Amino acid sequence: MMAINGGNIMAHFINDECISCGACESECPEEAISEGDNKYVIDPKKCTDCGSCVEVCPSDAIEAP
């Protein structure tokens, strides 16, 4: 089941366990991940649900809703 965020289907999201290491940002082939205020964030308009970011996250902070 995918979550709806502002009318957009959101395939993955980054929870509060994010340590802001940036591993996910460089791994994303769609450039859907960027640095936010307190953690990295995923742009639901760009995310294609490929899962590349999940595999490289050292803190298991990226989840599928």
Protein backbone atom coordinates (compact mmCIF):
# COMPACT_ATOMS: atom_id res chain seq x y z
CA MET A 1 0.00 0.00 0.00
CA MET A 2 1.38 3.39 -0.98
CA ALA A 3 0.88 6.54 1.07
CA ILE A 4 -0.65 9.69 -0.34
CA ASN A 5 1.21 12.91 0.43
CA GLY A 6 -0.38 16.11 -0.81
CA GLY A 7 -2.16 14.26 -3.60
CA ASN A 8 1.01 12.49 -4.73
CA ILE A 9 1.69 8.78 -4.36
CA MET A 10 4.79 8.42 -2.21
CA ALA A 11 6.74 5.24 -2.74
CA HIS A 12 9.40 5.69 -0.04
CA PHE A 13 9.99 8.09 2.83
CA ILE A 14 12.84 8.85 5.21
CA ASN A 15 12.04 8.50 8.91
CA ASP A 16 13.60 10.23 11.93
CA GLU A 17 16.37 7.61 12.14
CA CYS A 18 18.16 9.48 9.30
CA ILE A 19 21.72 10.42 10.27
CA SER A 20 22.12 12.83 7.31
CA CYS A 21 25.06 10.93 5.82
CA GLY A 22 23.99 11.58 2.21
CA ALA A 23 24.49 8.01 0.97
CA CYS A 24 20.94 7.88 -0.37
CA GLU A 25 21.16 11.16 -2.27
CA SER A 26 24.10 10.08 -4.41
CA GLU A 27 22.55 6.65 -5.05
CA CYS A 28 19.17 7.90 -6.33
CA PRO A 29 19.04 7.64 -10.16
CA GLU A 30 16.08 10.05 -10.31
CA GLU A 31 17.65 12.78 -8.11
CA ALA A 32 14.57 12.54 -5.90
CA ILE A 33 16.47 12.87 -2.62
CA SER A 34 17.77 16.11 -1.19
CA GLU A 35 19.03 17.46 2.10
CA GLY A 36 16.27 18.83 4.31
CA ASP A 37 16.42 20.82 7.54
CA ASN A 38 16.96 17.91 9.94
CA LYS A 39 17.17 14.92 7.60
CA TYR A 40 17.16 14.02 3.93
CA VAL A 41 13.81 14.07 2.13
CA ILE A 42 12.39 12.24 -0.89
CA ASP A 43 10.45 14.17 -3.55
CA PRO A 44 7.37 12.03 -4.20
CA LYS A 45 7.01 13.50 -7.70
CA LYS A 46 10.41 12.11 -8.70
CA CYS A 47 10.62 8.84 -6.74
CA THR A 48 10.07 5.78 -8.96
CA ASP A 49 10.13 3.21 -6.13
CA CYS A 50 13.36 1.60 -7.37
CA GLY A 51 14.66 0.92 -3.85
CA SER A 52 18.28 1.90 -4.52
CA CYS A 53 18.27 4.25 -1.56
CA VAL A 54 17.01 1.57 0.83
CA GLU A 55 19.98 -0.67 0.05
CA VAL A 56 22.62 1.96 0.89
CA CYS A 57 21.09 3.54 4.01
CA PRO A 58 23.30 2.65 7.00
CA SER A 59 20.61 3.49 9.56
CA ASP A 60 17.65 1.77 7.88
CA ALA A 61 15.85 5.15 7.80
CA ILE A 62 14.19 4.69 4.40
CA GLU A 63 10.86 2.92 4.38
CA ALA A 64 8.11 2.07 1.96
CA PRO A 65 4.74 3.15 3.35
